[in-house]
Structures are given as structure tokens and as C-alpha cells.
């Protein structure tokens, strides 16, 4: 099989470009509730479109899912405290941001492709990150979320590339689960060194 000729590299935002030093917030909420991580995530993924597509506040969605398991007001208060502490741990992955001009210098198109509320764009503009990439695709703006094909189709159309010409980096296995069906190259992000190694193996570094 001939090697793919990539023309674009797209990055998730939360968990890739914006990191967090507070650990897995959903796992912490599940632990508080005394339910399995898998059970809580299954319920969460049934409702997260309300934030990602309909722009409801993310913390309200997490708290609402938690209420399905424990409706006590005190529990919700503790859940929201966990979320607040998590938010305070956000920081930008500057090392990865430094890669963006290198990729563009190689003639590659770049994009941010995020399941997030539409207000994310304001943050990207305020930090100047929107100028570092060719396109920004946000689920809250387009009405579709990863991993669905409709969301990826918007990404491909804006970049003016075919699915097989795109490498997409995300920290969520769920967001990448339809990669073979859609046709793009998935890279599950773990850390910067691993990402650089995988990009190099694809001839993108």
C-alpha cells in the first residue's frame, strides 16, 4: 500500500494544546459518586453534545450527569468544587505551539479541531492562537461533534483536503474511534515527545 501523502495536520485543543495538571476530572467525579469510571463516562458521552453542540455550560453538563447517580445538593456542590479545581489547573502546551510554524514551513496546513463551546474562539483570539493555524473548527459553531463524520467533513472542506490527506491528533480514543471509516490518520496524544516521534514517522517533522 502506498504511503499517504499528508497535506494537513489538525489538533484537538483541550488535552493537547491546553493541558491540565489536575488529573482526569471525570474519573475524580466518578470516584466521588462511588461509581465505575466506565459507567460515569458512558452517561457523560450521552449528554456531552449539549455542551459541545448546543453550547450549554460544560460544568452544568457534568453536574447534571452526576445527579443521575446522586441527586443530593451536597454532592453537586462537591462535584462543582472538583470542576473548579480542574479549571484552575489549565495551562498552554507551549512546546506544541512552537511546532505549528515548523509544520506550516513544511507546506502543511494546520487546524484546531475541538469539541467545545463556541466561546472557545474568543479565547483563541485573545491568546493569538487562531493566527498560528490555518483553520479553527469548533463543534459549538458547526452543530456537529467528534467522532462523527459530519464534523470531520467540515474540517476537510475548510482545509480543502481529502480525509486521507489529514493527520489528526486527539487525547481521546472516542474522538478517534471512526478514523478508519472516515479515512484520516489518527494520532492518540500522550505527551509531546511521543507526538513528535509519531509525526516524524509520518514524515511530517
C-alpha atoms as a PDB file:
ATOM      1  CA  UNK A   1       0.000   0.000   0.000  1.00  0.00           C
ATOM      2  CA  UNK A   2       1.490   3.404  -0.955  1.00  0.00           C
ATOM      3  CA  UNK A   3       2.361   5.778   1.868  1.00  0.00           C
ATOM      4  CA  UNK A   4      -0.210   8.507   2.472  1.00  0.00           C
ATOM      5  CA  UNK A   5       0.693  11.987   1.279  1.00  0.00           C
ATOM      6  CA  UNK A   6      -0.390  14.215   4.127  1.00  0.00           C
ATOM      7  CA  UNK A   7      -1.220  17.830   3.390  1.00  0.00           C
ATOM      8  CA  UNK A   8      -2.637  18.891   6.760  1.00  0.00           C
ATOM      9  CA  UNK A   9      -2.251  18.303  10.487  1.00  0.00           C
ATOM     10  CA  UNK A  10      -5.138  19.061  12.851  1.00  0.00           C
ATOM     11  CA  UNK A  11      -5.011  19.258  16.632  1.00  0.00           C
ATOM     12  CA  UNK A  12      -7.588  18.857  19.344  1.00  0.00           C
ATOM     13  CA  UNK A  13      -7.450  21.729  21.841  1.00  0.00           C
ATOM     14  CA  UNK A  14      -8.314  20.503  25.353  1.00  0.00           C
ATOM     15  CA  UNK A  15      -5.879  17.788  26.408  1.00  0.00           C
ATOM     16  CA  UNK A  16      -3.459  18.513  23.558  1.00  0.00           C
ATOM     17  CA  UNK A  17      -2.839  22.252  23.204  1.00  0.00           C
ATOM     18  CA  UNK A  18      -4.379  23.167  26.543  1.00  0.00           C
ATOM     19  CA  UNK A  19      -3.179  20.765  29.202  1.00  0.00           C
ATOM     20  CA  UNK A  20      -4.169  20.364  32.825  1.00  0.00           C
ATOM     21  CA  UNK A  21      -2.182  19.306  35.891  1.00  0.00           C
ATOM     22  CA  UNK A  22      -5.202  18.216  37.943  1.00  0.00           C
ATOM     23  CA  UNK A  23      -5.652  14.734  36.512  1.00  0.00           C
ATOM     24  CA  UNK A  24      -8.772  13.186  34.981  1.00  0.00           C
ATOM     25  CA  UNK A  25     -11.757  15.236  36.133  1.00  0.00           C
ATOM     26  CA  UNK A  26     -14.360  12.670  35.047  1.00  0.00           C
ATOM     27  CA  UNK A  27     -12.537   9.915  36.939  1.00  0.00           C
ATOM     28  CA  UNK A  28     -12.483  12.119  40.042  1.00  0.00           C
ATOM     29  CA  UNK A  29     -16.221  12.760  39.819  1.00  0.00           C
ATOM     30  CA  UNK A  30     -16.898   9.045  39.314  1.00  0.00           C
ATOM     31  CA  UNK A  31     -14.790   8.262  42.398  1.00  0.00           C
ATOM     32  CA  UNK A  32     -16.728  10.819  44.439  1.00  0.00           C
ATOM     33  CA  UNK A  33     -20.003   9.237  43.343  1.00  0.00           C
ATOM     34  CA  UNK A  34     -18.775   5.729  44.086  1.00  0.00           C
ATOM     35  CA  UNK A  35     -19.454   4.506  40.542  1.00  0.00           C
ATOM     36  CA  UNK A  36     -17.125   2.994  37.978  1.00  0.00           C
ATOM     37  CA  UNK A  37     -15.238   5.265  35.627  1.00  0.00           C
ATOM     38  CA  UNK A  38     -16.781   3.457  32.651  1.00  0.00           C
ATOM     39  CA  UNK A  39     -20.338   3.873  33.954  1.00  0.00           C
ATOM     40  CA  UNK A  40     -19.903   7.595  34.502  1.00  0.00           C
ATOM     41  CA  UNK A  41     -18.225   8.136  31.122  1.00  0.00           C
ATOM     42  CA  UNK A  42     -20.975   6.228  29.333  1.00  0.00           C
ATOM     43  CA  UNK A  43     -23.576   8.542  30.871  1.00  0.00           C
ATOM     44  CA  UNK A  44     -21.407  11.602  30.193  1.00  0.00           C
ATOM     45  CA  UNK A  45     -20.974  10.781  26.499  1.00  0.00           C
ATOM     46  CA  UNK A  46     -24.751  10.504  26.165  1.00  0.00           C
ATOM     47  CA  UNK A  47     -25.071  14.123  27.287  1.00  0.00           C
ATOM     48  CA  UNK A  48     -21.879  15.965  26.320  1.00  0.00           C
ATOM     49  CA  UNK A  49     -23.363  17.051  22.983  1.00  0.00           C
ATOM     50  CA  UNK A  50     -25.450  19.517  24.999  1.00  0.00           C
ATOM     51  CA  UNK A  51     -22.230  21.409  25.701  1.00  0.00           C
ATOM     52  CA  UNK A  52     -20.239  20.626  22.562  1.00  0.00           C
ATOM     53  CA  UNK A  53     -23.034  21.280  20.068  1.00  0.00           C
ATOM     54  CA  UNK A  54     -25.686  23.288  21.914  1.00  0.00           C
ATOM     55  CA  UNK A  55     -23.237  25.406  23.954  1.00  0.00           C
ATOM     56  CA  UNK A  56     -24.623  24.612  27.412  1.00  0.00           C
ATOM     57  CA  UNK A  57     -22.004  25.294  30.131  1.00  0.00           C
ATOM     58  CA  UNK A  58     -19.763  22.224  30.407  1.00  0.00           C
ATOM     59  CA  UNK A  59     -19.743  22.258  34.213  1.00  0.00           C
ATOM     60  CA  UNK A  60     -23.559  22.138  34.183  1.00  0.00           C
ATOM     61  CA  UNK A  61     -23.473  19.046  31.975  1.00  0.00           C
ATOM     62  CA  UNK A  62     -21.006  17.240  34.250  1.00  0.00           C
ATOM     63  CA  UNK A  63     -23.037  18.202  37.323  1.00  0.00           C
ATOM     64  CA  UNK A  64     -26.243  17.096  35.599  1.00  0.00           C
ATOM     65  CA  UNK A  65     -24.794  13.691  34.749  1.00  0.00           C
ATOM     66  CA  UNK A  66     -23.581  13.355  38.348  1.00  0.00           C
ATOM     67  CA  UNK A  67     -27.151  13.974  39.551  1.00  0.00           C
ATOM     68  CA  UNK A  68     -28.247  10.853  37.680  1.00  0.00           C
ATOM     69  CA  UNK A  69     -26.170   8.879  40.186  1.00  0.00           C
ATOM     70  CA  UNK A  70     -26.577  11.060  43.300  1.00  0.00           C
ATOM     71  CA  UNK A  71     -29.113  13.892  43.451  1.00  0.00           C
ATOM     72  CA  UNK A  72     -28.126  15.284  46.863  1.00  0.00           C
ATOM     73  CA  UNK A  73     -27.326  19.037  46.792  1.00  0.00           C
ATOM     74  CA  UNK A  74     -24.183  18.489  48.867  1.00  0.00           C
ATOM     75  CA  UNK A  75     -22.872  16.028  46.282  1.00  0.00           C
ATOM     76  CA  UNK A  76     -23.452  18.524  43.477  1.00  0.00           C
ATOM     77  CA  UNK A  77     -21.568  21.133  45.492  1.00  0.00           C
ATOM     78  CA  UNK A  78     -18.606  18.761  45.792  1.00  0.00           C
ATOM     79  CA  UNK A  79     -18.777  17.923  42.077  1.00  0.00           C
ATOM     80  CA  UNK A  80     -18.646  21.607  41.167  1.00  0.00           C
ATOM     81  CA  UNK A  81     -15.684  22.083  43.502  1.00  0.00           C
ATOM     82  CA  UNK A  82     -13.818  19.311  41.656  1.00  0.00           C
ATOM     83  CA  UNK A  83     -14.612  21.033  38.357  1.00  0.00           C
ATOM     84  CA  UNK A  84     -13.434  24.418  39.647  1.00  0.00           C
ATOM     85  CA  UNK A  85     -10.146  22.927  40.857  1.00  0.00           C
ATOM     86  CA  UNK A  86      -9.734  21.247  37.482  1.00  0.00           C
ATOM     87  CA  UNK A  87     -10.282  24.523  35.609  1.00  0.00           C
ATOM     88  CA  UNK A  88      -7.624  26.194  37.737  1.00  0.00           C
ATOM     89  CA  UNK A  89      -5.078  23.638  36.535  1.00  0.00           C
ATOM     90  CA  UNK A  90      -5.266  24.620  32.854  1.00  0.00           C
ATOM     91  CA  UNK A  91      -2.106  25.737  31.057  1.00  0.00           C
ATOM     92  CA  UNK A  92      -0.991  26.033  27.443  1.00  0.00           C
ATOM     93  CA  UNK A  93       1.307  23.459  25.870  1.00  0.00           C
ATOM     94  CA  UNK A  94       3.884  25.971  24.625  1.00  0.00           C
ATOM     95  CA  UNK A  95       6.203  23.267  23.316  1.00  0.00           C
ATOM     96  CA  UNK A  96       3.476  22.028  20.997  1.00  0.00           C
ATOM     97  CA  UNK A  97       2.520  25.553  19.927  1.00  0.00           C
ATOM     98  CA  UNK A  98       6.148  26.016  18.873  1.00  0.00           C
ATOM     99  CA  UNK A  99       5.681  23.125  16.427  1.00  0.00           C
ATOM    100  CA  UNK A 100       2.947  24.890  14.465  1.00  0.00           C
ATOM    101  CA  UNK A 101       5.165  27.284  12.481  1.00  0.00           C
ATOM    102  CA  UNK A 102       7.541  24.405  11.712  1.00  0.00           C
ATOM    103  CA  UNK A 103       4.696  22.385  10.209  1.00  0.00           C
ATOM    104  CA  UNK A 104       3.474  25.337   8.168  1.00  0.00           C
ATOM    105  CA  UNK A 105       7.033  25.989   6.969  1.00  0.00           C
ATOM    106  CA  UNK A 106       6.995  22.464   5.509  1.00  0.00           C
ATOM    107  CA  UNK A 107       3.956  23.441   3.441  1.00  0.00           C
ATOM    108  CA  UNK A 108       1.427  21.685   5.677  1.00  0.00           C
ATOM    109  CA  UNK A 109      -1.917  23.210   6.509  1.00  0.00           C
ATOM    110  CA  UNK A 110      -2.772  23.264  10.222  1.00  0.00           C
ATOM    111  CA  UNK A 111      -6.002  23.424  12.193  1.00  0.00           C
ATOM    112  CA  UNK A 112      -7.514  23.278  15.647  1.00  0.00           C
ATOM    113  CA  UNK A 113     -10.486  20.905  15.728  1.00  0.00           C
ATOM    114  CA  UNK A 114     -12.230  20.904  19.096  1.00  0.00           C
ATOM    115  CA  UNK A 115     -15.355  19.623  20.776  1.00  0.00           C
ATOM    116  CA  UNK A 116     -16.067  22.810  22.689  1.00  0.00           C
ATOM    117  CA  UNK A 117     -18.469  25.669  23.145  1.00  0.00           C
ATOM    118  CA  UNK A 118     -18.342  28.452  20.580  1.00  0.00           C
ATOM    119  CA  UNK A 119     -16.792  30.780  23.183  1.00  0.00           C
ATOM    120  CA  UNK A 120     -13.502  28.898  22.712  1.00  0.00           C
ATOM    121  CA  UNK A 121     -12.845  31.066  19.661  1.00  0.00           C
ATOM    122  CA  UNK A 122     -12.716  34.203  21.833  1.00  0.00           C
ATOM    123  CA  UNK A 123     -10.046  32.572  23.978  1.00  0.00           C
ATOM    124  CA  UNK A 124      -8.009  31.518  20.944  1.00  0.00           C
ATOM    125  CA  UNK A 125      -8.165  35.063  19.573  1.00  0.00           C
ATOM    126  CA  UNK A 126      -7.176  36.569  22.929  1.00  0.00           C
ATOM    127  CA  UNK A 127      -4.099  34.315  23.077  1.00  0.00           C
ATOM    128  CA  UNK A 128      -3.227  34.804  19.406  1.00  0.00           C
ATOM    129  CA  UNK A 129      -3.527  31.062  18.818  1.00  0.00           C
ATOM    130  CA  UNK A 130      -6.032  31.480  15.984  1.00  0.00           C
ATOM    131  CA  UNK A 131      -3.287  33.158  13.945  1.00  0.00           C
ATOM    132  CA  UNK A 132      -0.973  30.163  14.417  1.00  0.00           C
ATOM    133  CA  UNK A 133      -3.203  27.832  12.372  1.00  0.00           C
ATOM    134  CA  UNK A 134      -4.993  27.964   9.034  1.00  0.00           C
ATOM    135  CA  UNK A 135      -8.408  26.950  10.349  1.00  0.00           C
ATOM    136  CA  UNK A 136     -10.303  26.663  13.632  1.00  0.00           C
ATOM    137  CA  UNK A 137     -13.249  24.246  13.712  1.00  0.00           C
ATOM    138  CA  UNK A 138     -15.341  24.210  16.896  1.00  0.00           C
ATOM    139  CA  UNK A 139     -18.254  21.840  17.456  1.00  0.00           C
ATOM    140  CA  UNK A 140     -20.341  24.533  19.149  1.00  0.00           C
ATOM    141  CA  UNK A 141     -20.173  26.603  15.960  1.00  0.00           C
ATOM    142  CA  UNK A 142     -20.829  23.889  13.380  1.00  0.00           C
ATOM    143  CA  UNK A 143     -23.532  21.840  15.129  1.00  0.00           C
ATOM    144  CA  UNK A 144     -21.625  18.546  14.933  1.00  0.00           C
ATOM    145  CA  UNK A 145     -19.066  16.933  17.239  1.00  0.00           C
ATOM    146  CA  UNK A 146     -16.263  14.395  17.001  1.00  0.00           C
ATOM    147  CA  UNK A 147     -16.147  11.493  16.321  1.00  0.00           C
ATOM    148  CA  UNK A 148     -18.991  11.942  13.813  1.00  0.00           C
ATOM    149  CA  UNK A 149     -18.211  12.122  10.108  1.00  0.00           C
ATOM    150  CA  UNK A 150     -20.221  15.329   9.668  1.00  0.00           C
ATOM    151  CA  UNK A 151     -17.850  17.207  11.977  1.00  0.00           C
ATOM    152  CA  UNK A 152     -14.764  15.915  10.181  1.00  0.00           C
ATOM    153  CA  UNK A 153     -16.307  16.809   6.834  1.00  0.00           C
ATOM    154  CA  UNK A 154     -16.388  20.458   7.887  1.00  0.00           C
ATOM    155  CA  UNK A 155     -12.694  20.223   8.799  1.00  0.00           C
ATOM    156  CA  UNK A 156     -11.771  18.700   5.435  1.00  0.00           C
ATOM    157  CA  UNK A 157     -13.826  21.234   3.477  1.00  0.00           C
ATOM    158  CA  UNK A 158     -12.300  24.212   5.266  1.00  0.00           C
ATOM    159  CA  UNK A 159      -8.776  22.888   4.779  1.00  0.00           C
ATOM    160  CA  UNK A 160      -9.620  21.943   1.170  1.00  0.00           C
ATOM    161  CA  UNK A 161      -8.105  18.486   1.575  1.00  0.00           C
ATOM    162  CA  UNK A 162      -9.222  14.873   1.327  1.00  0.00           C
ATOM    163  CA  UNK A 163      -9.680  12.779   4.503  1.00  0.00           C
ATOM    164  CA  UNK A 164      -6.636  10.642   3.697  1.00  0.00           C
ATOM    165  CA  UNK A 165      -4.507  13.792   3.477  1.00  0.00           C
ATOM    166  CA  UNK A 166      -5.103  14.685   7.140  1.00  0.00           C
ATOM    167  CA  UNK A 167      -3.351  13.574  10.327  1.00  0.00           C
ATOM    168  CA  UNK A 168      -5.479  14.379  13.377  1.00  0.00           C
ATOM    169  CA  UNK A 169      -4.181  14.456  16.954  1.00  0.00           C
ATOM    170  CA  UNK A 170      -6.516  13.974  19.928  1.00  0.00           C
ATOM    171  CA  UNK A 171      -6.111  12.773  23.511  1.00  0.00           C
ATOM    172  CA  UNK A 172      -9.475  10.975  23.455  1.00  0.00           C
ATOM    173  CA  UNK A 173      -9.802   7.487  21.999  1.00  0.00           C
ATOM    174  CA  UNK A 174     -13.501   8.149  21.475  1.00  0.00           C
ATOM    175  CA  UNK A 175     -12.821  11.143  19.243  1.00  0.00           C
ATOM    176  CA  UNK A 176     -10.610   8.942  17.052  1.00  0.00           C
ATOM    177  CA  UNK A 177     -12.791   5.839  17.001  1.00  0.00           C
ATOM    178  CA  UNK A 178     -14.130   6.371  13.446  1.00  0.00           C
ATOM    179  CA  UNK A 179     -10.765   7.187  11.855  1.00  0.00           C
ATOM    180  CA  UNK A 180     -10.608   4.087   9.647  1.00  0.00           C
ATOM    181  CA  UNK A 181     -14.198   4.620   8.489  1.00  0.00           C
ATOM    182  CA  UNK A 182     -13.637   8.308   7.690  1.00  0.00           C
ATOM    183  CA  UNK A 183     -10.154   7.856   6.269  1.00  0.00           C
ATOM    184  CA  UNK A 184      -7.842  10.219   8.150  1.00  0.00           C
ATOM    185  CA  UNK A 185      -4.687   9.241  10.066  1.00  0.00           C
ATOM    186  CA  UNK A 186      -5.340   9.214  13.851  1.00  0.00           C
ATOM    187  CA  UNK A 187      -2.685  10.021  16.449  1.00  0.00           C
ATOM    188  CA  UNK A 188      -3.611   9.463  20.100  1.00  0.00           C
ATOM    189  CA  UNK A 189      -1.787  12.159  22.071  1.00  0.00           C
ATOM    190  CA  UNK A 190       0.061  11.086  25.214  1.00  0.00           C
ATOM    191  CA  UNK A 191       2.876  13.612  25.502  1.00  0.00           C
ATOM    192  CA  UNK A 192       4.953  15.917  23.326  1.00  0.00           C
ATOM    193  CA  UNK A 193       7.834  13.508  22.794  1.00  0.00           C
ATOM    194  CA  UNK A 194       5.515  10.722  21.663  1.00  0.00           C
ATOM    195  CA  UNK A 195       3.713  13.124  19.323  1.00  0.00           C
ATOM    196  CA  UNK A 196       6.956  14.352  17.744  1.00  0.00           C
ATOM    197  CA  UNK A 197       8.041  10.754  17.231  1.00  0.00           C
ATOM    198  CA  UNK A 198       4.779   9.814  15.510  1.00  0.00           C
ATOM    199  CA  UNK A 199       4.810  12.928  13.336  1.00  0.00           C
ATOM    200  CA  UNK A 200       8.391  12.120  12.338  1.00  0.00           C
ATOM    201  CA  UNK A 201       7.414   8.556  11.440  1.00  0.00           C
ATOM    202  CA  UNK A 202       4.820  10.018   9.066  1.00  0.00           C
ATOM    203  CA  UNK A 203       7.423  12.309   7.522  1.00  0.00           C
ATOM    204  CA  UNK A 204       5.781  15.405   8.982  1.00  0.00           C
ATOM    205  CA  UNK A 205       8.690  16.590  11.144  1.00  0.00           C
END
